[in-house]
């Protein structure tokens, strides 16, 4: 397949733009950034499935991307009341790895070496967790933003996991692969298009284009959660009468998205659609007691959704030693 070859200037431009991208802030205790040596994987079970959360690292994000339809003073007061910084914060990157039956499913492939110095740790952390990346049978892409898909290629532009089946939403694939899309978007979005097209066109990757409800393997299916991107997919696991949804980026902040799901997010492609999706997923998870995994929530990002009047609250899962 043909790659759109970005120049060095293009790559530097993407890296320079990244710290101000309006990804919402992931929650953190005000004790400073993560340091080397902190745990990078978290194991638990859902029914008969063995799950591992693997970190790809973290990056900083501006709080100004939260509640872009609200008074900035109200947003800052909200963040301060939840012991969150009011300027920038840390977005964790939590990948779901599922072992169910003979299948080994990885959700998203992270940033690789092409985004931030503090990301691109997924492959090494998989090995640290005792997981052979080359044994992965299925790779599911929630969407084609850089922090989720840039890690698909190795240094030779070939698939990082060559023998896996790669799955992406059909609408997501078709949006990014439109003819000449790079010249139809705003200048600040052109690097996103280059990153998506090059990643989708990685040598050795053959895509399965999925619709809502697509069964990846028995017990693992896709849920269309549009708004952040138009073809965004979340991943649902059902096993032994229990369920979990890997949210991807349909929810990205463990405080604001729950307490104020009506607040719009700056980086969402269709902000109103994204807000409606958040409300739908939160209501379903709370009513049906479905566990959730937030990609950008504080590691490991797993917990439940508790209804709190007209709003919701994220209840993190407890570590068990």
C-alpha atoms as a PDB file:
ATOM      1  CA  UNK A   1       0.000   0.000   0.000  1.00  0.00           C
ATOM      2  CA  UNK A   2       1.091   3.590  -0.624  1.00  0.00           C
ATOM      3  CA  UNK A   3       2.062   5.774   2.301  1.00  0.00           C
ATOM      4  CA  UNK A   4       1.746   9.542   2.353  1.00  0.00           C
ATOM      5  CA  UNK A   5       5.295  10.393   3.339  1.00  0.00           C
ATOM      6  CA  UNK A   6       5.368  13.325   5.784  1.00  0.00           C
ATOM      7  CA  UNK A   7       8.433  15.519   5.793  1.00  0.00           C
ATOM      8  CA  UNK A   8      10.520  16.036   8.904  1.00  0.00           C
ATOM      9  CA  UNK A   9       8.812  19.415   9.180  1.00  0.00           C
ATOM     10  CA  UNK A  10       5.398  17.659   9.153  1.00  0.00           C
ATOM     11  CA  UNK A  11       6.457  15.333  11.973  1.00  0.00           C
ATOM     12  CA  UNK A  12       7.857  18.155  14.062  1.00  0.00           C
ATOM     13  CA  UNK A  13       4.685  20.146  13.446  1.00  0.00           C
ATOM     14  CA  UNK A  14       2.558  17.250  14.726  1.00  0.00           C
ATOM     15  CA  UNK A  15       4.721  16.888  17.817  1.00  0.00           C
ATOM     16  CA  UNK A  16       4.606  20.610  18.497  1.00  0.00           C
ATOM     17  CA  UNK A  17       0.835  20.680  18.131  1.00  0.00           C
ATOM     18  CA  UNK A  18       0.229  17.681  20.370  1.00  0.00           C
ATOM     19  CA  UNK A  19       0.566  19.366  23.802  1.00  0.00           C
ATOM     20  CA  UNK A  20      -2.231  21.790  22.947  1.00  0.00           C
ATOM     21  CA  UNK A  21      -4.631  19.276  21.427  1.00  0.00           C
ATOM     22  CA  UNK A  22      -7.884  19.496  23.312  1.00  0.00           C
ATOM     23  CA  UNK A  23      -7.998  15.960  24.627  1.00  0.00           C
ATOM     24  CA  UNK A  24      -9.774  16.243  27.989  1.00  0.00           C
ATOM     25  CA  UNK A  25      -7.753  15.913  31.145  1.00  0.00           C
ATOM     26  CA  UNK A  26      -7.448  12.522  32.736  1.00  0.00           C
ATOM     27  CA  UNK A  27      -7.738  12.593  36.497  1.00  0.00           C
ATOM     28  CA  UNK A  28      -4.619  12.636  38.647  1.00  0.00           C
ATOM     29  CA  UNK A  29      -3.722  13.201  42.244  1.00  0.00           C
ATOM     30  CA  UNK A  30      -1.691  16.370  42.596  1.00  0.00           C
ATOM     31  CA  UNK A  31       1.521  14.558  43.429  1.00  0.00           C
ATOM     32  CA  UNK A  32       3.406  15.198  40.216  1.00  0.00           C
ATOM     33  CA  UNK A  33       3.713  13.248  36.979  1.00  0.00           C
ATOM     34  CA  UNK A  34       4.222   9.499  36.708  1.00  0.00           C
ATOM     35  CA  UNK A  35       7.779   8.266  37.149  1.00  0.00           C
ATOM     36  CA  UNK A  36       9.647   5.316  35.745  1.00  0.00           C
ATOM     37  CA  UNK A  37       9.164   2.137  37.721  1.00  0.00           C
ATOM     38  CA  UNK A  38       5.454   2.568  38.456  1.00  0.00           C
ATOM     39  CA  UNK A  39       3.225  -0.439  37.678  1.00  0.00           C
ATOM     40  CA  UNK A  40       2.359  -0.645  33.980  1.00  0.00           C
ATOM     41  CA  UNK A  41      -0.106  -3.537  33.901  1.00  0.00           C
ATOM     42  CA  UNK A  42      -3.159  -4.585  35.901  1.00  0.00           C
ATOM     43  CA  UNK A  43      -4.724  -8.071  35.805  1.00  0.00           C
ATOM     44  CA  UNK A  44      -8.305  -9.067  36.567  1.00  0.00           C
ATOM     45  CA  UNK A  45     -11.078 -11.324  35.282  1.00  0.00           C
ATOM     46  CA  UNK A  46     -14.565 -10.897  33.877  1.00  0.00           C
ATOM     47  CA  UNK A  47     -16.356 -14.233  33.842  1.00  0.00           C
ATOM     48  CA  UNK A  48     -14.129 -16.661  31.946  1.00  0.00           C
ATOM     49  CA  UNK A  49     -12.028 -13.915  30.363  1.00  0.00           C
ATOM     50  CA  UNK A  50      -8.623 -12.934  31.697  1.00  0.00           C
ATOM     51  CA  UNK A  51      -7.992  -9.225  31.199  1.00  0.00           C
ATOM     52  CA  UNK A  52      -4.869  -7.106  31.433  1.00  0.00           C
ATOM     53  CA  UNK A  53      -4.688  -3.330  31.283  1.00  0.00           C
ATOM     54  CA  UNK A  54      -1.399  -2.253  29.707  1.00  0.00           C
ATOM     55  CA  UNK A  55      -0.103   1.324  29.771  1.00  0.00           C
ATOM     56  CA  UNK A  56       1.368   3.007  26.704  1.00  0.00           C
ATOM     57  CA  UNK A  57       2.482   5.935  28.889  1.00  0.00           C
ATOM     58  CA  UNK A  58       0.909   9.358  29.331  1.00  0.00           C
ATOM     59  CA  UNK A  59       0.866  12.847  27.873  1.00  0.00           C
ATOM     60  CA  UNK A  60      -0.157  16.293  29.025  1.00  0.00           C
ATOM     61  CA  UNK A  61      -3.404  17.929  27.937  1.00  0.00           C
ATOM     62  CA  UNK A  62      -4.931  21.386  28.378  1.00  0.00           C
ATOM     63  CA  UNK A  63      -7.911  21.800  30.677  1.00  0.00           C
ATOM     64  CA  UNK A  64      -9.245  24.352  28.190  1.00  0.00           C
ATOM     65  CA  UNK A  65     -10.503  21.416  26.106  1.00  0.00           C
ATOM     66  CA  UNK A  66     -13.054  20.517  28.785  1.00  0.00           C
ATOM     67  CA  UNK A  67     -16.491  22.157  28.760  1.00  0.00           C
ATOM     68  CA  UNK A  68     -15.934  24.365  25.744  1.00  0.00           C
ATOM     69  CA  UNK A  69     -19.615  25.336  25.911  1.00  0.00           C
ATOM     70  CA  UNK A  70     -19.360  26.342  29.591  1.00  0.00           C
ATOM     71  CA  UNK A  71     -17.992  29.361  31.420  1.00  0.00           C
ATOM     72  CA  UNK A  72     -14.230  28.742  31.784  1.00  0.00           C
ATOM     73  CA  UNK A  73     -14.420  29.954  35.380  1.00  0.00           C
ATOM     74  CA  UNK A  74     -17.052  27.296  36.115  1.00  0.00           C
ATOM     75  CA  UNK A  75     -14.878  24.596  34.565  1.00  0.00           C
ATOM     76  CA  UNK A  76     -11.841  25.698  36.544  1.00  0.00           C
ATOM     77  CA  UNK A  77     -13.857  25.791  39.764  1.00  0.00           C
ATOM     78  CA  UNK A  78     -15.115  22.274  39.034  1.00  0.00           C
ATOM     79  CA  UNK A  79     -11.610  20.974  38.434  1.00  0.00           C
ATOM     80  CA  UNK A  80     -10.264  22.621  41.578  1.00  0.00           C
ATOM     81  CA  UNK A  81     -13.110  21.164  43.646  1.00  0.00           C
ATOM     82  CA  UNK A  82     -12.064  17.698  42.430  1.00  0.00           C
ATOM     83  CA  UNK A  83      -8.406  18.318  43.328  1.00  0.00           C
ATOM     84  CA  UNK A  84      -7.460  18.595  39.669  1.00  0.00           C
ATOM     85  CA  UNK A  85      -5.136  21.178  38.110  1.00  0.00           C
ATOM     86  CA  UNK A  86      -6.798  24.060  36.310  1.00  0.00           C
ATOM     87  CA  UNK A  87      -4.264  24.435  33.505  1.00  0.00           C
ATOM     88  CA  UNK A  88      -2.910  21.100  32.275  1.00  0.00           C
ATOM     89  CA  UNK A  89      -3.178  17.516  33.374  1.00  0.00           C
ATOM     90  CA  UNK A  90      -2.097  14.012  32.497  1.00  0.00           C
ATOM     91  CA  UNK A  91      -3.892  11.759  30.018  1.00  0.00           C
ATOM     92  CA  UNK A  92      -3.073   8.139  30.725  1.00  0.00           C
ATOM     93  CA  UNK A  93      -3.261   5.595  27.908  1.00  0.00           C
ATOM     94  CA  UNK A  94      -4.809   2.316  29.092  1.00  0.00           C
ATOM     95  CA  UNK A  95      -4.986  -0.569  26.624  1.00  0.00           C
ATOM     96  CA  UNK A  96      -7.219  -3.591  27.082  1.00  0.00           C
ATOM     97  CA  UNK A  97      -5.811  -7.053  26.377  1.00  0.00           C
ATOM     98  CA  UNK A  98      -8.354  -9.895  26.447  1.00  0.00           C
ATOM     99  CA  UNK A  99      -7.664 -13.618  26.646  1.00  0.00           C
ATOM    100  CA  UNK A 100     -10.879 -15.532  26.035  1.00  0.00           C
ATOM    101  CA  UNK A 101     -10.960 -19.049  24.640  1.00  0.00           C
ATOM    102  CA  UNK A 102      -8.109 -19.304  22.158  1.00  0.00           C
ATOM    103  CA  UNK A 103      -8.332 -15.620  21.227  1.00  0.00           C
ATOM    104  CA  UNK A 104      -5.978 -12.872  22.329  1.00  0.00           C
ATOM    105  CA  UNK A 105      -7.482  -9.455  21.592  1.00  0.00           C
ATOM    106  CA  UNK A 106      -5.648  -6.132  21.891  1.00  0.00           C
ATOM    107  CA  UNK A 107      -7.594  -2.867  21.799  1.00  0.00           C
ATOM    108  CA  UNK A 108      -5.633  -0.076  20.040  1.00  0.00           C
ATOM    109  CA  UNK A 109      -1.888  -0.014  19.445  1.00  0.00           C
ATOM    110  CA  UNK A 110      -0.850   3.262  21.065  1.00  0.00           C
ATOM    111  CA  UNK A 111       1.510   5.903  19.730  1.00  0.00           C
ATOM    112  CA  UNK A 112       4.634   3.942  18.936  1.00  0.00           C
ATOM    113  CA  UNK A 113       7.694   6.182  18.675  1.00  0.00           C
ATOM    114  CA  UNK A 114       5.927   8.826  16.615  1.00  0.00           C
ATOM    115  CA  UNK A 115       4.088  11.040  19.099  1.00  0.00           C
ATOM    116  CA  UNK A 116       5.340  11.859  22.603  1.00  0.00           C
ATOM    117  CA  UNK A 117       8.500  10.940  24.451  1.00  0.00           C
ATOM    118  CA  UNK A 118       6.288   9.779  27.332  1.00  0.00           C
ATOM    119  CA  UNK A 119       4.251   7.346  25.197  1.00  0.00           C
ATOM    120  CA  UNK A 120       5.114   4.398  22.992  1.00  0.00           C
ATOM    121  CA  UNK A 121       5.632   1.963  25.865  1.00  0.00           C
ATOM    122  CA  UNK A 122       2.910  -0.536  24.969  1.00  0.00           C
ATOM    123  CA  UNK A 123       5.018  -3.257  23.338  1.00  0.00           C
ATOM    124  CA  UNK A 124       7.622  -3.229  26.093  1.00  0.00           C
ATOM    125  CA  UNK A 125       4.974  -3.220  28.805  1.00  0.00           C
ATOM    126  CA  UNK A 126       3.184  -6.155  27.171  1.00  0.00           C
ATOM    127  CA  UNK A 127       6.404  -8.147  27.383  1.00  0.00           C
ATOM    128  CA  UNK A 128       6.944  -7.059  30.995  1.00  0.00           C
ATOM    129  CA  UNK A 129       3.452  -8.402  31.746  1.00  0.00           C
ATOM    130  CA  UNK A 130       4.443 -11.758  30.250  1.00  0.00           C
ATOM    131  CA  UNK A 131       2.450 -11.229  27.055  1.00  0.00           C
ATOM    132  CA  UNK A 132       3.976 -11.989  23.658  1.00  0.00           C
ATOM    133  CA  UNK A 133       2.751  -9.234  21.298  1.00  0.00           C
ATOM    134  CA  UNK A 134       3.283 -11.521  18.316  1.00  0.00           C
ATOM    135  CA  UNK A 135       0.748 -13.974  19.767  1.00  0.00           C
ATOM    136  CA  UNK A 136      -2.084 -11.413  19.546  1.00  0.00           C
ATOM    137  CA  UNK A 137      -4.803 -12.795  17.274  1.00  0.00           C
ATOM    138  CA  UNK A 138      -7.009  -9.697  16.900  1.00  0.00           C
ATOM    139  CA  UNK A 139      -6.271  -5.965  17.040  1.00  0.00           C
ATOM    140  CA  UNK A 140      -9.309  -3.708  17.392  1.00  0.00           C
ATOM    141  CA  UNK A 141      -8.965  -0.005  16.637  1.00  0.00           C
ATOM    142  CA  UNK A 142     -11.450   2.222  18.453  1.00  0.00           C
ATOM    143  CA  UNK A 143     -10.567   5.090  16.110  1.00  0.00           C
ATOM    144  CA  UNK A 144      -7.690   6.483  14.089  1.00  0.00           C
ATOM    145  CA  UNK A 145      -6.368   9.316  16.258  1.00  0.00           C
ATOM    146  CA  UNK A 146      -2.573   9.358  16.698  1.00  0.00           C
ATOM    147  CA  UNK A 147      -2.438   8.174  20.312  1.00  0.00           C
ATOM    148  CA  UNK A 148      -4.460   5.088  19.372  1.00  0.00           C
ATOM    149  CA  UNK A 149      -3.112   4.076  15.954  1.00  0.00           C
ATOM    150  CA  UNK A 150       0.384   5.469  15.306  1.00  0.00           C
ATOM    151  CA  UNK A 151       1.922   2.424  16.973  1.00  0.00           C
ATOM    152  CA  UNK A 152       0.616   0.148  14.233  1.00  0.00           C
ATOM    153  CA  UNK A 153       3.874   0.442  12.222  1.00  0.00           C
ATOM    154  CA  UNK A 154       7.370  -0.548  13.221  1.00  0.00           C
ATOM    155  CA  UNK A 155      10.465   1.412  12.190  1.00  0.00           C
ATOM    156  CA  UNK A 156      10.288  -0.190   8.740  1.00  0.00           C
ATOM    157  CA  UNK A 157       6.650   0.889   8.161  1.00  0.00           C
ATOM    158  CA  UNK A 158       5.440  -2.692   8.528  1.00  0.00           C
ATOM    159  CA  UNK A 159       2.685  -3.989  10.795  1.00  0.00           C
ATOM    160  CA  UNK A 160       3.909  -4.214  14.391  1.00  0.00           C
ATOM    161  CA  UNK A 161       1.820  -7.388  14.883  1.00  0.00           C
ATOM    162  CA  UNK A 162       1.875  -8.930  11.400  1.00  0.00           C
ATOM    163  CA  UNK A 163      -0.234 -12.048  11.946  1.00  0.00           C
ATOM    164  CA  UNK A 164      -3.232 -10.485  13.710  1.00  0.00           C
ATOM    165  CA  UNK A 165      -6.618  -9.681  12.236  1.00  0.00           C
ATOM    166  CA  UNK A 166      -7.054  -5.897  12.279  1.00  0.00           C
ATOM    167  CA  UNK A 167     -10.560  -4.538  12.826  1.00  0.00           C
ATOM    168  CA  UNK A 168     -11.831  -0.968  12.511  1.00  0.00           C
ATOM    169  CA  UNK A 169     -15.264   0.583  12.104  1.00  0.00           C
ATOM    170  CA  UNK A 170     -16.241   0.876   8.453  1.00  0.00           C
ATOM    171  CA  UNK A 171     -17.351   4.487   8.917  1.00  0.00           C
ATOM    172  CA  UNK A 172     -14.045   5.312  10.632  1.00  0.00           C
ATOM    173  CA  UNK A 173     -12.021   3.780   7.826  1.00  0.00           C
ATOM    174  CA  UNK A 174     -14.074   5.442   5.111  1.00  0.00           C
ATOM    175  CA  UNK A 175     -13.847   8.889   6.698  1.00  0.00           C
ATOM    176  CA  UNK A 176     -10.051   8.948   6.890  1.00  0.00           C
ATOM    177  CA  UNK A 177      -9.579   7.320   3.479  1.00  0.00           C
ATOM    178  CA  UNK A 178     -11.635   9.885   1.564  1.00  0.00           C
ATOM    179  CA  UNK A 179      -9.875  11.166  -1.535  1.00  0.00           C
ATOM    180  CA  UNK A 180      -7.822  14.282  -0.797  1.00  0.00           C
ATOM    181  CA  UNK A 181      -9.192  14.598   2.754  1.00  0.00           C
ATOM    182  CA  UNK A 182      -5.937  16.226   3.845  1.00  0.00           C
ATOM    183  CA  UNK A 183      -6.790  19.281   1.737  1.00  0.00           C
ATOM    184  CA  UNK A 184     -10.408  19.439   2.910  1.00  0.00           C
ATOM    185  CA  UNK A 185      -9.809  19.763   6.648  1.00  0.00           C
ATOM    186  CA  UNK A 186      -8.588  22.711   8.674  1.00  0.00           C
ATOM    187  CA  UNK A 187      -4.800  23.208   8.646  1.00  0.00           C
ATOM    188  CA  UNK A 188      -4.511  22.166  12.293  1.00  0.00           C
ATOM    189  CA  UNK A 189      -6.158  18.821  11.429  1.00  0.00           C
ATOM    190  CA  UNK A 190      -4.003  17.937   8.431  1.00  0.00           C
ATOM    191  CA  UNK A 191      -1.437  16.109  10.536  1.00  0.00           C
ATOM    192  CA  UNK A 192      -4.212  13.947  12.000  1.00  0.00           C
ATOM    193  CA  UNK A 193      -5.176  12.925   8.472  1.00  0.00           C
ATOM    194  CA  UNK A 194      -1.579  12.100   7.541  1.00  0.00           C
ATOM    195  CA  UNK A 195      -1.177  10.026  10.696  1.00  0.00           C
ATOM    196  CA  UNK A 196      -4.419   8.118  10.099  1.00  0.00           C
ATOM    197  CA  UNK A 197      -3.833   7.447   6.397  1.00  0.00           C
ATOM    198  CA  UNK A 198      -0.262   6.261   6.895  1.00  0.00           C
ATOM    199  CA  UNK A 199      -1.325   4.007   9.755  1.00  0.00           C
ATOM    200  CA  UNK A 200      -4.293   2.508   7.932  1.00  0.00           C
ATOM    201  CA  UNK A 201      -2.023   1.885   4.930  1.00  0.00           C
ATOM    202  CA  UNK A 202       0.674   0.115   6.962  1.00  0.00           C
ATOM    203  CA  UNK A 203       2.291  -2.743   5.054  1.00  0.00           C
ATOM    204  CA  UNK A 204       1.000  -6.122   6.142  1.00  0.00           C
ATOM    205  CA  UNK A 205      -2.318  -4.895   7.565  1.00  0.00           C
ATOM    206  CA  UNK A 206      -5.535  -6.199   6.028  1.00  0.00           C
ATOM    207  CA  UNK A 207      -8.564  -4.541   7.592  1.00  0.00           C
ATOM    208  CA  UNK A 208     -11.876  -6.051   8.579  1.00  0.00           C
ATOM    209  CA  UNK A 209     -14.378  -3.195   8.295  1.00  0.00           C
ATOM    210  CA  UNK A 210     -16.961  -3.560  11.043  1.00  0.00           C
ATOM    211  CA  UNK A 211     -20.444  -2.301  11.795  1.00  0.00           C
ATOM    212  CA  UNK A 212     -22.180  -1.788  15.139  1.00  0.00           C
ATOM    213  CA  UNK A 213     -22.553  -5.127  16.921  1.00  0.00           C
ATOM    214  CA  UNK A 214     -19.711  -6.826  15.026  1.00  0.00           C
ATOM    215  CA  UNK A 215     -18.511  -9.953  16.855  1.00  0.00           C
ATOM    216  CA  UNK A 216     -14.728  -9.942  17.108  1.00  0.00           C
ATOM    217  CA  UNK A 217     -14.715 -13.351  18.800  1.00  0.00           C
ATOM    218  CA  UNK A 218     -17.434 -14.981  20.906  1.00  0.00           C
ATOM    219  CA  UNK A 219     -17.959 -12.700  23.900  1.00  0.00           C
ATOM    220  CA  UNK A 220     -16.265  -9.646  22.364  1.00  0.00           C
ATOM    221  CA  UNK A 221     -18.249  -7.228  20.206  1.00  0.00           C
ATOM    222  CA  UNK A 222     -18.158  -3.644  18.977  1.00  0.00           C
ATOM    223  CA  UNK A 223     -20.471  -0.811  20.018  1.00  0.00           C
ATOM    224  CA  UNK A 224     -20.748   2.215  17.735  1.00  0.00           C
ATOM    225  CA  UNK A 225     -20.095   5.269  19.926  1.00  0.00           C
ATOM    226  CA  UNK A 226     -19.894   8.171  17.465  1.00  0.00           C
ATOM    227  CA  UNK A 227     -19.009  11.770  18.168  1.00  0.00           C
ATOM    228  CA  UNK A 228     -15.365  11.858  19.166  1.00  0.00           C
ATOM    229  CA  UNK A 229     -14.910  10.566  15.639  1.00  0.00           C
ATOM    230  CA  UNK A 230     -17.807   9.648  13.383  1.00  0.00           C
ATOM    231  CA  UNK A 231     -16.880   5.970  13.209  1.00  0.00           C
ATOM    232  CA  UNK A 232     -15.678   5.559  16.798  1.00  0.00           C
ATOM    233  CA  UNK A 233     -16.162   2.085  18.255  1.00  0.00           C
ATOM    234  CA  UNK A 234     -16.078   0.936  21.859  1.00  0.00           C
ATOM    235  CA  UNK A 235     -15.387  -2.701  22.716  1.00  0.00           C
ATOM    236  CA  UNK A 236     -17.786  -4.755  24.823  1.00  0.00           C
ATOM    237  CA  UNK A 237     -16.880  -7.952  26.653  1.00  0.00           C
ATOM    238  CA  UNK A 238     -19.582 -10.316  27.942  1.00  0.00           C
ATOM    239  CA  UNK A 239     -18.587 -13.425  29.884  1.00  0.00           C
ATOM    240  CA  UNK A 240     -20.090 -15.395  32.742  1.00  0.00           C
ATOM    241  CA  UNK A 241     -22.989 -12.985  33.166  1.00  0.00           C
ATOM    242  CA  UNK A 242     -20.670  -9.992  33.605  1.00  0.00           C
ATOM    243  CA  UNK A 243     -19.763  -7.223  31.184  1.00  0.00           C
ATOM    244  CA  UNK A 244     -17.184  -4.523  30.558  1.00  0.00           C
ATOM    245  CA  UNK A 245     -16.983  -1.780  27.943  1.00  0.00           C
ATOM    246  CA  UNK A 246     -13.624  -0.397  26.816  1.00  0.00           C
ATOM    247  CA  UNK A 247     -14.793   3.133  26.139  1.00  0.00           C
ATOM    248  CA  UNK A 248     -12.024   4.313  23.865  1.00  0.00           C
ATOM    249  CA  UNK A 249     -12.449   8.082  23.734  1.00  0.00           C
ATOM    250  CA  UNK A 250     -16.237   8.326  23.997  1.00  0.00           C
ATOM    251  CA  UNK A 251     -15.507   9.314  27.616  1.00  0.00           C
ATOM    252  CA  UNK A 252     -12.105  10.763  28.394  1.00  0.00           C
ATOM    253  CA  UNK A 253     -12.313  12.475  31.782  1.00  0.00           C
ATOM    254  CA  UNK A 254     -13.103  10.528  34.944  1.00  0.00           C
ATOM    255  CA  UNK A 255     -14.630  13.580  36.635  1.00  0.00           C
ATOM    256  CA  UNK A 256     -16.134  16.054  34.163  1.00  0.00           C
ATOM    257  CA  UNK A 257     -17.603  13.530  31.716  1.00  0.00           C
ATOM    258  CA  UNK A 258     -19.537  11.873  34.538  1.00  0.00           C
ATOM    259  CA  UNK A 259     -20.678  14.878  36.574  1.00  0.00           C
ATOM    260  CA  UNK A 260     -21.305  17.083  33.523  1.00  0.00           C
ATOM    261  CA  UNK A 261     -21.895  14.867  30.483  1.00  0.00           C
ATOM    262  CA  UNK A 262     -23.499  17.906  28.819  1.00  0.00           C
ATOM    263  CA  UNK A 263     -20.170  19.744  28.730  1.00  0.00           C
ATOM    264  CA  UNK A 264     -18.722  19.568  25.244  1.00  0.00           C
ATOM    265  CA  UNK A 265     -15.166  18.496  24.510  1.00  0.00           C
ATOM    266  CA  UNK A 266     -12.919  20.490  22.232  1.00  0.00           C
ATOM    267  CA  UNK A 267     -11.380  17.618  20.278  1.00  0.00           C
ATOM    268  CA  UNK A 268     -14.649  15.799  19.541  1.00  0.00           C
ATOM    269  CA  UNK A 269     -15.423  15.792  15.811  1.00  0.00           C
ATOM    270  CA  UNK A 270     -19.169  16.230  16.388  1.00  0.00           C
ATOM    271  CA  UNK A 271     -19.505  17.679  19.872  1.00  0.00           C
ATOM    272  CA  UNK A 272     -23.284  17.375  20.236  1.00  0.00           C
ATOM    273  CA  UNK A 273     -23.254  13.802  18.970  1.00  0.00           C
ATOM    274  CA  UNK A 274     -20.445  12.966  21.387  1.00  0.00           C
ATOM    275  CA  UNK A 275     -22.423  14.383  24.318  1.00  0.00           C
ATOM    276  CA  UNK A 276     -25.454  12.298  23.340  1.00  0.00           C
ATOM    277  CA  UNK A 277     -23.262   9.193  23.091  1.00  0.00           C
ATOM    278  CA  UNK A 278     -21.769   9.854  26.532  1.00  0.00           C
ATOM    279  CA  UNK A 279     -25.217  10.168  28.074  1.00  0.00           C
ATOM    280  CA  UNK A 280     -26.363   6.933  26.414  1.00  0.00           C
ATOM    281  CA  UNK A 281     -23.320   4.918  27.491  1.00  0.00           C
ATOM    282  CA  UNK A 282     -23.358   6.281  31.043  1.00  0.00           C
ATOM    283  CA  UNK A 283     -27.050   5.494  31.443  1.00  0.00           C
ATOM    284  CA  UNK A 284     -26.584   1.956  30.093  1.00  0.00           C
ATOM    285  CA  UNK A 285     -23.504   1.230  32.215  1.00  0.00           C
ATOM    286  CA  UNK A 286     -25.175   2.495  35.390  1.00  0.00           C
ATOM    287  CA  UNK A 287     -28.494   0.730  34.772  1.00  0.00           C
ATOM    288  CA  UNK A 288     -26.971  -2.593  33.719  1.00  0.00           C
ATOM    289  CA  UNK A 289     -23.993  -2.486  36.128  1.00  0.00           C
ATOM    290  CA  UNK A 290     -21.501  -2.783  33.286  1.00  0.00           C
ATOM    291  CA  UNK A 291     -17.881  -2.132  34.205  1.00  0.00           C
ATOM    292  CA  UNK A 292     -16.037   0.437  32.111  1.00  0.00           C
ATOM    293  CA  UNK A 293     -12.453   1.093  31.081  1.00  0.00           C
ATOM    294  CA  UNK A 294     -11.450   4.662  30.281  1.00  0.00           C
ATOM    295  CA  UNK A 295      -8.508   4.915  27.916  1.00  0.00           C
ATOM    296  CA  UNK A 296      -7.456   8.277  29.347  1.00  0.00           C
ATOM    297  CA  UNK A 297      -8.634   7.710  32.935  1.00  0.00           C
ATOM    298  CA  UNK A 298      -6.065   7.379  35.742  1.00  0.00           C
ATOM    299  CA  UNK A 299      -4.346   4.012  35.376  1.00  0.00           C
ATOM    300  CA  UNK A 300      -5.660   1.362  35.314  1.00  0.00           C
ATOM    301  CA  UNK A 301      -8.876   3.176  34.384  1.00  0.00           C
ATOM    302  CA  UNK A 302     -11.314   0.403  35.362  1.00  0.00           C
ATOM    303  CA  UNK A 303     -14.426   0.963  37.435  1.00  0.00           C
ATOM    304  CA  UNK A 304     -18.192   1.312  37.494  1.00  0.00           C
ATOM    305  CA  UNK A 305     -20.702   4.052  36.771  1.00  0.00           C
ATOM    306  CA  UNK A 306     -22.894   5.230  39.635  1.00  0.00           C
ATOM    307  CA  UNK A 307     -25.928   7.395  38.983  1.00  0.00           C
ATOM    308  CA  UNK A 308     -25.888  10.580  41.042  1.00  0.00           C
ATOM    309  CA  UNK A 309     -29.204  12.366  40.533  1.00  0.00           C
ATOM    310  CA  UNK A 310     -29.227  13.670  36.973  1.00  0.00           C
ATOM    311  CA  UNK A 311     -25.497  13.040  36.659  1.00  0.00           C
ATOM    312  CA  UNK A 312     -23.073  10.181  37.232  1.00  0.00           C
ATOM    313  CA  UNK A 313     -19.957   9.277  39.191  1.00  0.00           C
ATOM    314  CA  UNK A 314     -17.002   7.074  38.303  1.00  0.00           C
ATOM    315  CA  UNK A 315     -16.260   4.486  41.000  1.00  0.00           C
ATOM    316  CA  UNK A 316     -12.736   3.110  40.426  1.00  0.00           C
ATOM    317  CA  UNK A 317     -12.092  -0.585  40.886  1.00  0.00           C
ATOM    318  CA  UNK A 318      -9.930  -1.419  43.885  1.00  0.00           C
ATOM    319  CA  UNK A 319      -6.513  -2.987  43.487  1.00  0.00           C
ATOM    320  CA  UNK A 320      -6.379  -6.478  44.944  1.00  0.00           C
ATOM    321  CA  UNK A 321      -2.953  -7.730  46.015  1.00  0.00           C
END
